[in-house]
Amino acid sequence: APSAHALHPLRFFASTGRVDGIAPGVYAFAPDAKDMRLHIDRD
């Protein structure tokens, strides 16, 4: 997605509940690493 001045101010969090392969919780997305890290360990 485009970003004015390549500032990239957006942050993404996936709140999971019914997702196979990952526990319910909130995961922060790291675009450069292409991974998710646990942010909150509950649905």
PDB file of all heavy atoms in Angstrom:
ATOM      1  N   ALA A   1       0.865  -1.186   0.000  1.00  0.00           N
ATOM      2  CA  ALA A   1       0.000   0.000   0.000  1.00  0.00           C
ATOM      3  C   ALA A   1       0.900   1.234   0.000  1.00  0.00           C
ATOM      4  O   ALA A   1       1.950   1.238   0.642  1.00  0.00           O
ATOM      5  CB  ALA A   1      -0.917   0.022   1.222  1.00  0.00           C
ATOM      6  N   PRO A   2       0.505   2.284  -0.716  1.00  0.00           N
ATOM      7  CA  PRO A   2       1.341   3.483  -0.776  1.00  0.00           C
ATOM      8  C   PRO A   2       1.367   4.216   0.560  1.00  0.00           C
ATOM      9  O   PRO A   2       0.449   4.100   1.371  1.00  0.00           O
ATOM     10  CB  PRO A   2       0.646   4.332  -1.845  1.00  0.00           C
ATOM     11  CG  PRO A   2      -0.774   3.888  -1.806  1.00  0.00           C
ATOM     12  CD  PRO A   2      -0.744   2.429  -1.466  1.00  0.00           C
ATOM     13  N   SER A   3       2.440   4.982   0.765  1.00  0.00           N
ATOM     14  CA  SER A   3       2.587   5.772   1.984  1.00  0.00           C
ATOM     15  C   SER A   3       3.234   7.112   1.625  1.00  0.00           C
ATOM     16  O   SER A   3       4.314   7.136   1.039  1.00  0.00           O
ATOM     17  CB  SER A   3       3.463   5.029   2.995  1.00  0.00           C
ATOM     18  OG  SER A   3       3.566   5.770   4.192  1.00  0.00           O
ATOM     19  N   ALA A   4       2.560   8.205   1.991  1.00  0.00           N
ATOM     20  CA  ALA A   4       3.103   9.537   1.710  1.00  0.00           C
ATOM     21  C   ALA A   4       4.473   9.694   2.378  1.00  0.00           C
ATOM     22  O   ALA A   4       4.634   9.402   3.566  1.00  0.00           O
ATOM     23  CB  ALA A   4       2.142  10.608   2.220  1.00  0.00           C
ATOM     24  N   HIS A   5       5.460  10.112   1.592  1.00  0.00           N
ATOM     25  CA  HIS A   5       6.849  10.272   2.041  1.00  0.00           C
ATOM     26  C   HIS A   5       7.421   8.983   2.608  1.00  0.00           C
ATOM     27  O   HIS A   5       8.370   9.029   3.390  1.00  0.00           O
ATOM     28  CB  HIS A   5       6.964  11.377   3.090  1.00  0.00           C
ATOM     29  CG  HIS A   5       6.775  12.748   2.524  1.00  0.00           C
ATOM     30  ND1 HIS A   5       7.285  13.859   3.120  1.00  0.00           N
ATOM     31  CD2 HIS A   5       6.120  13.209   1.440  1.00  0.00           C
ATOM     32  CE1 HIS A   5       6.955  14.943   2.437  1.00  0.00           C
ATOM     33  NE2 HIS A   5       6.239  14.557   1.399  1.00  0.00           N
ATOM     34  N   ALA A   6       6.842   7.836   2.259  1.00  0.00           N
ATOM     35  CA  ALA A   6       7.268   6.529   2.783  1.00  0.00           C
ATOM     36  C   ALA A   6       7.348   6.548   4.306  1.00  0.00           C
ATOM     37  O   ALA A   6       8.213   5.941   4.915  1.00  0.00           O
ATOM     38  CB  ALA A   6       8.607   6.106   2.171  1.00  0.00           C
ATOM     39  N   LEU A   7       6.404   7.249   4.916  1.00  0.00           N
ATOM     40  CA  LEU A   7       6.364   7.376   6.372  1.00  0.00           C
ATOM     41  C   LEU A   7       5.927   6.074   7.046  1.00  0.00           C
ATOM     42  O   LEU A   7       6.389   5.746   8.133  1.00  0.00           O
ATOM     43  CB  LEU A   7       5.409   8.517   6.753  1.00  0.00           C
ATOM     44  CG  LEU A   7       5.352   8.937   8.191  1.00  0.00           C
ATOM     45  CD1 LEU A   7       6.711   9.429   8.672  1.00  0.00           C
ATOM     46  CD2 LEU A   7       4.305  10.022   8.378  1.00  0.00           C
ATOM     47  N   HIS A   8       5.020   5.348   6.437  1.00  0.00           N
ATOM     48  CA  HIS A   8       4.499   4.077   6.953  1.00  0.00           C
ATOM     49  C   HIS A   8       4.013   4.193   8.399  1.00  0.00           C
ATOM     50  O   HIS A   8       4.512   3.487   9.281  1.00  0.00           O
ATOM     51  CB  HIS A   8       5.535   2.955   6.829  1.00  0.00           C
ATOM     52  CG  HIS A   8       6.058   2.772   5.451  1.00  0.00           C
ATOM     53  ND1 HIS A   8       5.265   2.344   4.394  1.00  0.00           N
ATOM     54  CD2 HIS A   8       7.297   2.976   4.927  1.00  0.00           C
ATOM     55  CE1 HIS A   8       5.996   2.292   3.306  1.00  0.00           C
ATOM     56  NE2 HIS A   8       7.216   2.669   3.589  1.00  0.00           N
ATOM     57  N   PRO A   9       3.005   5.036   8.657  1.00  0.00           N
ATOM     58  CA  PRO A   9       2.517   5.216  10.029  1.00  0.00           C
ATOM     59  C   PRO A   9       1.543   4.130  10.497  1.00  0.00           C
ATOM     60  O   PRO A   9       1.184   4.107  11.674  1.00  0.00           O
ATOM     61  CB  PRO A   9       1.794   6.562   9.946  1.00  0.00           C
ATOM     62  CG  PRO A   9       1.242   6.573   8.555  1.00  0.00           C
ATOM     63  CD  PRO A   9       2.324   5.916   7.718  1.00  0.00           C
ATOM     64  N   LEU A  10       1.132   3.236   9.604  1.00  0.00           N
ATOM     65  CA  LEU A  10       0.125   2.251   9.981  1.00  0.00           C
ATOM     66  C   LEU A  10       0.730   1.110  10.790  1.00  0.00           C
ATOM     67  O   LEU A  10       1.874   0.718  10.582  1.00  0.00           O
ATOM     68  CB  LEU A  10      -0.566   1.674   8.742  1.00  0.00           C
ATOM     69  CG  LEU A  10      -1.305   2.673   7.848  1.00  0.00           C
ATOM     70  CD1 LEU A  10      -2.018   1.935   6.721  1.00  0.00           C
ATOM     71  CD2 LEU A  10      -2.279   3.528   8.636  1.00  0.00           C
ATOM     72  N   ARG A  11      -0.102   0.590  11.712  1.00  0.00           N
ATOM     73  CA  ARG A  11       0.241  -0.579  12.519  1.00  0.00           C
ATOM     74  C   ARG A  11      -0.926  -1.548  12.390  1.00  0.00           C
ATOM     75  O   ARG A  11      -2.078  -1.140  12.372  1.00  0.00           O
ATOM     76  CB  ARG A  11       0.436  -0.207  13.989  1.00  0.00           C
ATOM     77  CG  ARG A  11       1.436   0.916  14.238  1.00  0.00           C
ATOM     78  CD  ARG A  11       2.867   0.508  13.913  1.00  0.00           C
ATOM     79  NE  ARG A  11       3.795   1.597  14.157  1.00  0.00           N
ATOM     80  CZ  ARG A  11       4.247   2.431  13.228  1.00  0.00           C
ATOM     81  NH1 ARG A  11       3.840   2.319  11.976  1.00  0.00           N
ATOM     82  NH2 ARG A  11       5.105   3.381  13.530  1.00  0.00           N
ATOM     83  N   PHE A  12      -0.628  -2.834  12.328  1.00  0.00           N
ATOM     84  CA  PHE A  12      -1.644  -3.857  12.101  1.00  0.00           C
ATOM     85  C   PHE A  12      -1.653  -4.864  13.240  1.00  0.00           C
ATOM     86  O   PHE A  12      -0.592  -5.346  13.649  1.00  0.00           O
ATOM     87  CB  PHE A  12      -1.384  -4.575  10.773  1.00  0.00           C
ATOM     88  CG  PHE A  12      -1.597  -3.684   9.587  1.00  0.00           C
ATOM     89  CD1 PHE A  12      -0.642  -2.751   9.217  1.00  0.00           C
ATOM     90  CD2 PHE A  12      -2.776  -3.759   8.865  1.00  0.00           C
ATOM     91  CE1 PHE A  12      -0.845  -1.906   8.145  1.00  0.00           C
ATOM     92  CE2 PHE A  12      -2.993  -2.922   7.787  1.00  0.00           C
ATOM     93  CZ  PHE A  12      -2.030  -1.988   7.432  1.00  0.00           C
ATOM     94  N   PHE A  13      -2.860  -5.160  13.717  1.00  0.00           N
ATOM     95  CA  PHE A  13      -3.050  -6.122  14.788  1.00  0.00           C
ATOM     96  C   PHE A  13      -4.129  -7.111  14.360  1.00  0.00           C
ATOM     97  O   PHE A  13      -5.216  -6.693  13.951  1.00  0.00           O
ATOM     98  CB  PHE A  13      -3.459  -5.419  16.081  1.00  0.00           C
ATOM     99  CG  PHE A  13      -2.406  -4.490  16.595  1.00  0.00           C
ATOM    100  CD1 PHE A  13      -2.370  -3.164  16.186  1.00  0.00           C
ATOM    101  CD2 PHE A  13      -1.428  -4.945  17.463  1.00  0.00           C
ATOM    102  CE1 PHE A  13      -1.385  -2.300  16.638  1.00  0.00           C
ATOM    103  CE2 PHE A  13      -0.433  -4.093  17.919  1.00  0.00           C
ATOM    104  CZ  PHE A  13      -0.410  -2.769  17.513  1.00  0.00           C
ATOM    105  N   ALA A  14      -3.829  -8.406  14.449  1.00  0.00           N
ATOM    106  CA  ALA A  14      -4.799  -9.451  14.118  1.00  0.00           C
ATOM    107  C   ALA A  14      -5.349 -10.016  15.414  1.00  0.00           C
ATOM    108  O   ALA A  14      -4.595 -10.593  16.218  1.00  0.00           O
ATOM    109  CB  ALA A  14      -4.142 -10.543  13.289  1.00  0.00           C
ATOM    110  N   SER A  15      -6.646  -9.825  15.633  1.00  0.00           N
ATOM    111  CA  SER A  15      -7.329 -10.397  16.791  1.00  0.00           C
ATOM    112  C   SER A  15      -7.941 -11.712  16.338  1.00  0.00           C
ATOM    113  O   SER A  15      -8.872 -11.725  15.530  1.00  0.00           O
ATOM    114  CB  SER A  15      -8.411  -9.447  17.300  1.00  0.00           C
ATOM    115  OG  SER A  15      -7.840  -8.224  17.710  1.00  0.00           O
ATOM    116  N   THR A  16      -7.404 -12.812  16.836  1.00  0.00           N
ATOM    117  CA  THR A  16      -7.822 -14.132  16.370  1.00  0.00           C
ATOM    118  C   THR A  16      -8.734 -14.802  17.383  1.00  0.00           C
ATOM    119  O   THR A  16      -8.608 -14.594  18.593  1.00  0.00           O
ATOM    120  CB  THR A  16      -6.599 -15.025  16.105  1.00  0.00           C
ATOM    121  OG1 THR A  16      -5.884 -15.214  17.328  1.00  0.00           O
ATOM    122  CG2 THR A  16      -5.680 -14.394  15.067  1.00  0.00           C
ATOM    123  N   GLY A  17      -9.646 -15.598  16.854  1.00  0.00           N
ATOM    124  CA  GLY A  17     -10.539 -16.380  17.693  1.00  0.00           C
ATOM    125  C   GLY A  17     -10.699 -17.772  17.138  1.00  0.00           C
ATOM    126  O   GLY A  17     -10.479 -18.760  17.820  1.00  0.00           O
ATOM    127  N   ARG A  18     -11.057 -17.829  15.865  1.00  0.00           N
ATOM    128  CA  ARG A  18     -11.223 -19.112  15.170  1.00  0.00           C
ATOM    129  C   ARG A  18     -10.238 -19.171  14.010  1.00  0.00           C
ATOM    130  O   ARG A  18     -10.610 -19.054  12.850  1.00  0.00           O
ATOM    131  CB  ARG A  18     -12.670 -19.274  14.699  1.00  0.00           C
ATOM    132  CG  ARG A  18     -13.663 -19.486  15.837  1.00  0.00           C
ATOM    133  CD  ARG A  18     -15.062 -19.851  15.358  1.00  0.00           C
ATOM    134  NE  ARG A  18     -15.488 -19.204  14.131  1.00  0.00           N
ATOM    135  CZ  ARG A  18     -16.040 -17.978  14.059  1.00  0.00           C
ATOM    136  NH1 ARG A  18     -16.215 -17.266  15.145  1.00  0.00           N
ATOM    137  NH2 ARG A  18     -16.419 -17.490  12.895  1.00  0.00           N
ATOM    138  N   VAL A  19      -8.973 -19.355  14.356  1.00  0.00           N
ATOM    139  CA  VAL A  19      -7.914 -19.445  13.352  1.00  0.00           C
ATOM    140  C   VAL A  19      -7.095 -20.701  13.644  1.00  0.00           C
ATOM    141  O   VAL A  19      -6.522 -20.836  14.732  1.00  0.00           O
ATOM    142  CB  VAL A  19      -7.008 -18.190  13.364  1.00  0.00           C
ATOM    143  CG1 VAL A  19      -5.854 -18.349  12.389  1.00  0.00           C
ATOM    144  CG2 VAL A  19      -7.817 -16.939  13.056  1.00  0.00           C
ATOM    145  N   ASP A  20      -7.094 -21.634  12.686  1.00  0.00           N
ATOM    146  CA  ASP A  20      -6.311 -22.870  12.829  1.00  0.00           C
ATOM    147  C   ASP A  20      -4.820 -22.545  12.777  1.00  0.00           C
ATOM    148  O   ASP A  20      -4.362 -21.824  11.891  1.00  0.00           O
ATOM    149  CB  ASP A  20      -6.630 -23.848  11.691  1.00  0.00           C
ATOM    150  CG  ASP A  20      -7.913 -24.617  11.923  1.00  0.00           C
ATOM    151  OD1 ASP A  20      -8.372 -24.694  13.084  1.00  0.00           O
ATOM    152  OD2 ASP A  20      -8.460 -25.145  10.937  1.00  0.00           O
ATOM    153  N   GLY A  21      -4.079 -23.081  13.744  1.00  0.00           N
ATOM    154  CA  GLY A  21      -2.628 -22.936  13.735  1.00  0.00           C
ATOM    155  C   GLY A  21      -2.109 -21.819  14.613  1.00  0.00           C
ATOM    156  O   GLY A  21      -0.904 -21.592  14.662  1.00  0.00           O
ATOM    157  N   ILE A  22      -3.011 -21.151  15.330  1.00  0.00           N
ATOM    158  CA  ILE A  22      -2.575 -20.062  16.213  1.00  0.00           C
ATOM    159  C   ILE A  22      -3.594 -19.927  17.350  1.00  0.00           C
ATOM    160  O   ILE A  22      -4.793 -20.097  17.142  1.00  0.00           O
ATOM    161  CB  ILE A  22      -2.404 -18.743  15.425  1.00  0.00           C
ATOM    162  CG1 ILE A  22      -1.606 -17.729  16.214  1.00  0.00           C
ATOM    163  CG2 ILE A  22      -3.739 -18.182  14.987  1.00  0.00           C
ATOM    164  CD1 ILE A  22      -1.106 -16.561  15.377  1.00  0.00           C
ATOM    165  N   ALA A  23      -3.106 -19.646  18.535  1.00  0.00           N
ATOM    166  CA  ALA A  23      -3.981 -19.508  19.700  1.00  0.00           C
ATOM    167  C   ALA A  23      -4.766 -18.202  19.627  1.00  0.00           C
ATOM    168  O   ALA A  23      -4.287 -17.217  19.039  1.00  0.00           O
ATOM    169  CB  ALA A  23      -3.144 -19.530  20.978  1.00  0.00           C
ATOM    170  N   PRO A  24      -5.963 -18.174  20.210  1.00  0.00           N
ATOM    171  CA  PRO A  24      -6.705 -16.906  20.273  1.00  0.00           C
ATOM    172  C   PRO A  24      -5.866 -15.838  20.977  1.00  0.00           C
ATOM    173  O   PRO A  24      -5.187 -16.117  21.959  1.00  0.00           O
ATOM    174  CB  PRO A  24      -7.948 -17.258  21.093  1.00  0.00           C
ATOM    175  CG  PRO A  24      -8.136 -18.727  20.871  1.00  0.00           C
ATOM    176  CD  PRO A  24      -6.732 -19.273  20.795  1.00  0.00           C
ATOM    177  N   GLY A  25      -5.917 -14.639  20.428  1.00  0.00           N
ATOM    178  CA  GLY A  25      -5.168 -13.531  21.002  1.00  0.00           C
ATOM    179  C   GLY A  25      -5.069 -12.402  20.006  1.00  0.00           C
ATOM    180  O   GLY A  25      -5.743 -12.398  18.970  1.00  0.00           O
ATOM    181  N   VAL A  26      -4.226 -11.438  20.329  1.00  0.00           N
ATOM    182  CA  VAL A  26      -3.964 -10.316  19.435  1.00  0.00           C
ATOM    183  C   VAL A  26      -2.494 -10.383  19.050  1.00  0.00           C
ATOM    184  O   VAL A  26      -1.616 -10.489  19.920  1.00  0.00           O
ATOM    185  CB  VAL A  26      -4.284  -8.958  20.096  1.00  0.00           C
ATOM    186  CG1 VAL A  26      -3.982  -7.808  19.152  1.00  0.00           C
ATOM    187  CG2 VAL A  26      -5.740  -8.916  20.556  1.00  0.00           C
ATOM    188  N   TYR A  27      -2.248 -10.314  17.748  1.00  0.00           N
ATOM    189  CA  TYR A  27      -0.904 -10.432  17.213  1.00  0.00           C
ATOM    190  C   TYR A  27      -0.547  -9.178  16.435  1.00  0.00           C
ATOM    191  O   TYR A  27      -1.322  -8.705  15.611  1.00  0.00           O
ATOM    192  CB  TYR A  27      -0.805 -11.656  16.296  1.00  0.00           C
ATOM    193  CG  TYR A  27      -1.012 -12.952  17.047  1.00  0.00           C
ATOM    194  CD1 TYR A  27      -2.303 -13.425  17.297  1.00  0.00           C
ATOM    195  CD2 TYR A  27       0.067 -13.662  17.535  1.00  0.00           C
ATOM    196  CE1 TYR A  27      -2.502 -14.598  18.013  1.00  0.00           C
ATOM    197  CE2 TYR A  27      -0.126 -14.849  18.251  1.00  0.00           C
ATOM    198  CZ  TYR A  27      -1.419 -15.292  18.488  1.00  0.00           C
ATOM    199  OH  TYR A  27      -1.604 -16.453  19.202  1.00  0.00           O
ATOM    200  N   ALA A  28       0.643  -8.628  16.711  1.00  0.00           N
ATOM    201  CA  ALA A  28       1.150  -7.473  15.974  1.00  0.00           C
ATOM    202  C   ALA A  28       1.864  -7.983  14.731  1.00  0.00           C
ATOM    203  O   ALA A  28       2.622  -8.962  14.792  1.00  0.00           O
ATOM    204  CB  ALA A  28       2.107  -6.671  16.843  1.00  0.00           C
ATOM    205  N   PHE A  29       1.591  -7.338  13.601  1.00  0.00           N
ATOM    206  CA  PHE A  29       2.191  -7.723  12.328  1.00  0.00           C
ATOM    207  C   PHE A  29       3.418  -6.871  12.068  1.00  0.00           C
ATOM    208  O   PHE A  29       3.363  -5.639  12.133  1.00  0.00           O
ATOM    209  CB  PHE A  29       1.178  -7.543  11.197  1.00  0.00           C
ATOM    210  CG  PHE A  29       1.732  -7.779   9.819  1.00  0.00           C
ATOM    211  CD1 PHE A  29       2.232  -9.017   9.451  1.00  0.00           C
ATOM    212  CD2 PHE A  29       1.731  -6.765   8.879  1.00  0.00           C
ATOM    213  CE1 PHE A  29       2.736  -9.246   8.175  1.00  0.00           C
ATOM    214  CE2 PHE A  29       2.225  -6.975   7.596  1.00  0.00           C
ATOM    215  CZ  PHE A  29       2.729  -8.216   7.247  1.00  0.00           C
ATOM    216  N   ALA A  30       4.540  -7.516  11.763  1.00  0.00           N
ATOM    217  CA  ALA A  30       5.779  -6.831  11.394  1.00  0.00           C
ATOM    218  C   ALA A  30       5.951  -6.958   9.885  1.00  0.00           C
ATOM    219  O   ALA A  30       6.348  -8.021   9.397  1.00  0.00           O
ATOM    220  CB  ALA A  30       6.965  -7.433  12.129  1.00  0.00           C
ATOM    221  N   PRO A  31       5.624  -5.899   9.107  1.00  0.00           N
ATOM    222  CA  PRO A  31       5.652  -6.003   7.642  1.00  0.00           C
ATOM    223  C   PRO A  31       6.999  -6.420   7.065  1.00  0.00           C
ATOM    224  O   PRO A  31       7.049  -7.207   6.132  1.00  0.00           O
ATOM    225  CB  PRO A  31       5.284  -4.599   7.168  1.00  0.00           C
ATOM    226  CG  PRO A  31       4.607  -3.958   8.314  1.00  0.00           C
ATOM    227  CD  PRO A  31       5.196  -4.584   9.545  1.00  0.00           C
ATOM    228  N   ASP A  32       8.084  -5.917   7.623  1.00  0.00           N
ATOM    229  CA  ASP A  32       9.397  -6.237   7.071  1.00  0.00           C
ATOM    230  C   ASP A  32       9.787  -7.687   7.340  1.00  0.00           C
ATOM    231  O   ASP A  32      10.407  -8.337   6.512  1.00  0.00           O
ATOM    232  CB  ASP A  32      10.459  -5.287   7.620  1.00  0.00           C
ATOM    233  CG  ASP A  32      10.217  -3.855   7.172  1.00  0.00           C
ATOM    234  OD1 ASP A  32       9.682  -3.658   6.061  1.00  0.00           O
ATOM    235  OD2 ASP A  32      10.535  -2.928   7.933  1.00  0.00           O
ATOM    236  N   ALA A  33       9.413  -8.191   8.502  1.00  0.00           N
ATOM    237  CA  ALA A  33       9.746  -9.568   8.865  1.00  0.00           C
ATOM    238  C   ALA A  33       8.707 -10.555   8.355  1.00  0.00           C
ATOM    239  O   ALA A  33       8.942 -11.759   8.363  1.00  0.00           O
ATOM    240  CB  ALA A  33       9.869  -9.688  10.379  1.00  0.00           C
ATOM    241  N   LYS A  34       7.559 -10.044   7.926  1.00  0.00           N
ATOM    242  CA  LYS A  34       6.458 -10.878   7.437  1.00  0.00           C
ATOM    243  C   LYS A  34       5.985 -11.866   8.499  1.00  0.00           C
ATOM    244  O   LYS A  34       5.645 -13.003   8.204  1.00  0.00           O
ATOM    245  CB  LYS A  34       6.847 -11.619   6.163  1.00  0.00           C
ATOM    246  CG  LYS A  34       7.202 -10.713   5.010  1.00  0.00           C
ATOM    247  CD  LYS A  34       7.585 -11.488   3.781  1.00  0.00           C
ATOM    248  CE  LYS A  34       7.993 -10.534   2.675  1.00  0.00           C
ATOM    249  NZ  LYS A  34       8.558 -11.198   1.537  1.00  0.00           N
ATOM    250  N   ASP A  35       6.001 -11.436   9.762  1.00  0.00           N
ATOM    251  CA  ASP A  35       5.543 -12.327  10.816  1.00  0.00           C
ATOM    252  C   ASP A  35       4.640 -11.595  11.801  1.00  0.00           C
ATOM    253  O   ASP A  35       4.451 -10.394  11.710  1.00  0.00           O
ATOM    254  CB  ASP A  35       6.728 -12.980  11.536  1.00  0.00           C
ATOM    255  CG  ASP A  35       7.527 -12.010  12.389  1.00  0.00           C
ATOM    256  OD1 ASP A  35       7.270 -10.797  12.343  1.00  0.00           O
ATOM    257  OD2 ASP A  35       8.419 -12.473  13.116  1.00  0.00           O
ATOM    258  N   MET A  36       4.077 -12.385  12.714  1.00  0.00           N
ATOM    259  CA  MET A  36       3.207 -11.851  13.748  1.00  0.00           C
ATOM    260  C   MET A  36       3.805 -12.225  15.099  1.00  0.00           C
ATOM    261  O   MET A  36       4.302 -13.332  15.279  1.00  0.00           O
ATOM    262  CB  MET A  36       1.799 -12.459  13.639  1.00  0.00           C
ATOM    263  CG  MET A  36       1.105 -12.193  12.326  1.00  0.00           C
ATOM    264  SD  MET A  36      -0.617 -12.779  12.256  1.00  0.00           S
ATOM    265  CE  MET A  36      -0.530 -14.449  12.846  1.00  0.00           C
ATOM    266  N   ARG A  37       3.738 -11.286  16.041  1.00  0.00           N
ATOM    267  CA  ARG A  37       4.194 -11.604  17.399  1.00  0.00           C
ATOM    268  C   ARG A  37       3.032 -11.370  18.354  1.00  0.00           C
ATOM    269  O   ARG A  37       2.220 -10.464  18.162  1.00  0.00           O
ATOM    270  CB  ARG A  37       5.414 -10.781  17.790  1.00  0.00           C
ATOM    271  CG  ARG A  37       5.171  -9.303  17.880  1.00  0.00           C
ATOM    272  CD  ARG A  37       6.402  -8.537  18.396  1.00  0.00           C
ATOM    273  NE  ARG A  37       6.192  -7.125  18.254  1.00  0.00           N
ATOM    274  CZ  ARG A  37       5.343  -6.399  18.978  1.00  0.00           C
ATOM    275  NH1 ARG A  37       4.615  -6.958  19.904  1.00  0.00           N
ATOM    276  NH2 ARG A  37       5.198  -5.101  18.771  1.00  0.00           N
ATOM    277  N   LEU A  38       2.958 -12.204  19.377  1.00  0.00           N
ATOM    278  CA  LEU A  38       1.872 -12.123  20.343  1.00  0.00           C
ATOM    279  C   LEU A  38       1.906 -10.779  21.066  1.00  0.00           C
ATOM    280  O   LEU A  38       2.947 -10.381  21.598  1.00  0.00           O
ATOM    281  CB  LEU A  38       1.954 -13.280  21.336  1.00  0.00           C
ATOM    282  CG  LEU A  38       0.804 -13.392  22.323  1.00  0.00           C
ATOM    283  CD1 LEU A  38      -0.520 -13.645  21.596  1.00  0.00           C
ATOM    284  CD2 LEU A  38       1.087 -14.494  23.332  1.00  0.00           C
ATOM    285  N   HIS A  39       0.773 -10.099  21.074  1.00  0.00           N
ATOM    286  CA  HIS A  39       0.628  -8.795  21.725  1.00  0.00           C
ATOM    287  C   HIS A  39      -0.272  -8.909  22.960  1.00  0.00           C
ATOM    288  O   HIS A  39       0.005  -8.318  23.985  1.00  0.00           O
ATOM    289  CB  HIS A  39       0.053  -7.803  20.698  1.00  0.00           C
ATOM    290  CG  HIS A  39      -0.180  -6.432  21.182  1.00  0.00           C
ATOM    291  ND1 HIS A  39       0.842  -5.585  21.553  1.00  0.00           N
ATOM    292  CD2 HIS A  39      -1.329  -5.729  21.375  1.00  0.00           C
ATOM    293  CE1 HIS A  39       0.334  -4.420  21.935  1.00  0.00           C
ATOM    294  NE2 HIS A  39      -0.978  -4.493  21.846  1.00  0.00           N
ATOM    295  N   ILE A  40      -1.347  -9.683  22.848  1.00  0.00           N
ATOM    296  CA  ILE A  40      -2.277  -9.953  23.956  1.00  0.00           C
ATOM    297  C   ILE A  40      -2.627 -11.434  23.883  1.00  0.00           C
ATOM    298  O   ILE A  40      -2.993 -11.939  22.825  1.00  0.00           O
ATOM    299  CB  ILE A  40      -3.562  -9.097  23.841  1.00  0.00           C
ATOM    300  CG1 ILE A  40      -3.221  -7.605  23.882  1.00  0.00           C
ATOM    301  CG2 ILE A  40      -4.553  -9.461  24.937  1.00  0.00           C
ATOM    302  CD1 ILE A  40      -4.416  -6.698  23.582  1.00  0.00           C
ATOM    303  N   ASP A  41      -2.542 -12.132  25.000  1.00  0.00           N
ATOM    304  CA  ASP A  41      -2.718 -13.589  24.970  1.00  0.00           C
ATOM    305  C   ASP A  41      -4.135 -14.054  25.298  1.00  0.00           C
ATOM    306  O   ASP A  41      -4.323 -15.088  25.926  1.00  0.00           O
ATOM    307  CB  ASP A  41      -1.712 -14.265  25.905  1.00  0.00           C
ATOM    308  CG  ASP A  41      -1.944 -13.938  27.369  1.00  0.00           C
ATOM    309  OD1 ASP A  41      -2.816 -13.101  27.672  1.00  0.00           O
ATOM    310  OD2 ASP A  41      -1.247 -14.537  28.211  1.00  0.00           O
ATOM    311  N   ARG A  42      -5.139 -13.310  24.839  1.00  0.00           N
ATOM    312  CA  ARG A  42      -6.523 -13.735  25.007  1.00  0.00           C
ATOM    313  C   ARG A  42      -7.361 -13.217  23.853  1.00  0.00           C
ATOM    314  O   ARG A  42      -6.988 -12.267  23.184  1.00  0.00           O
ATOM    315  CB  ARG A  42      -7.090 -13.292  26.338  1.00  0.00           C
ATOM    316  CG  ARG A  42      -7.210 -11.806  26.520  1.00  0.00           C
ATOM    317  CD  ARG A  42      -7.728 -11.421  27.881  1.00  0.00           C
ATOM    318  NE  ARG A  42      -7.727 -10.063  28.317  1.00  0.00           N
ATOM    319  CZ  ARG A  42      -7.545  -8.948  27.644  1.00  0.00           C
ATOM    320  NH1 ARG A  42      -7.323  -8.978  26.381  1.00  0.00           N
ATOM    321  NH2 ARG A  42      -7.580  -7.775  28.196  1.00  0.00           N
ATOM    322  N   ASP A  43      -8.504 -13.844  23.655  1.00  0.00           N
ATOM    323  CA  ASP A  43      -9.444 -13.460  22.605  1.00  0.00           C
ATOM    324  C   ASP A  43     -10.135 -12.156  23.018  1.00  0.00           C
ATOM    325  O   ASP A  43     -10.755 -12.091  24.077  1.00  0.00           O
ATOM    326  CB  ASP A  43     -10.468 -14.585  22.427  1.00  0.00           C
ATOM    327  CG  ASP A  43     -11.393 -14.385  21.252  1.00  0.00           C
ATOM    328  OD1 ASP A  43     -11.429 -13.287  20.668  1.00  0.00           O
ATOM    329  OD2 ASP A  43     -12.104 -15.350  20.917  1.00  0.00           O
TER     330      ASP A  43
END
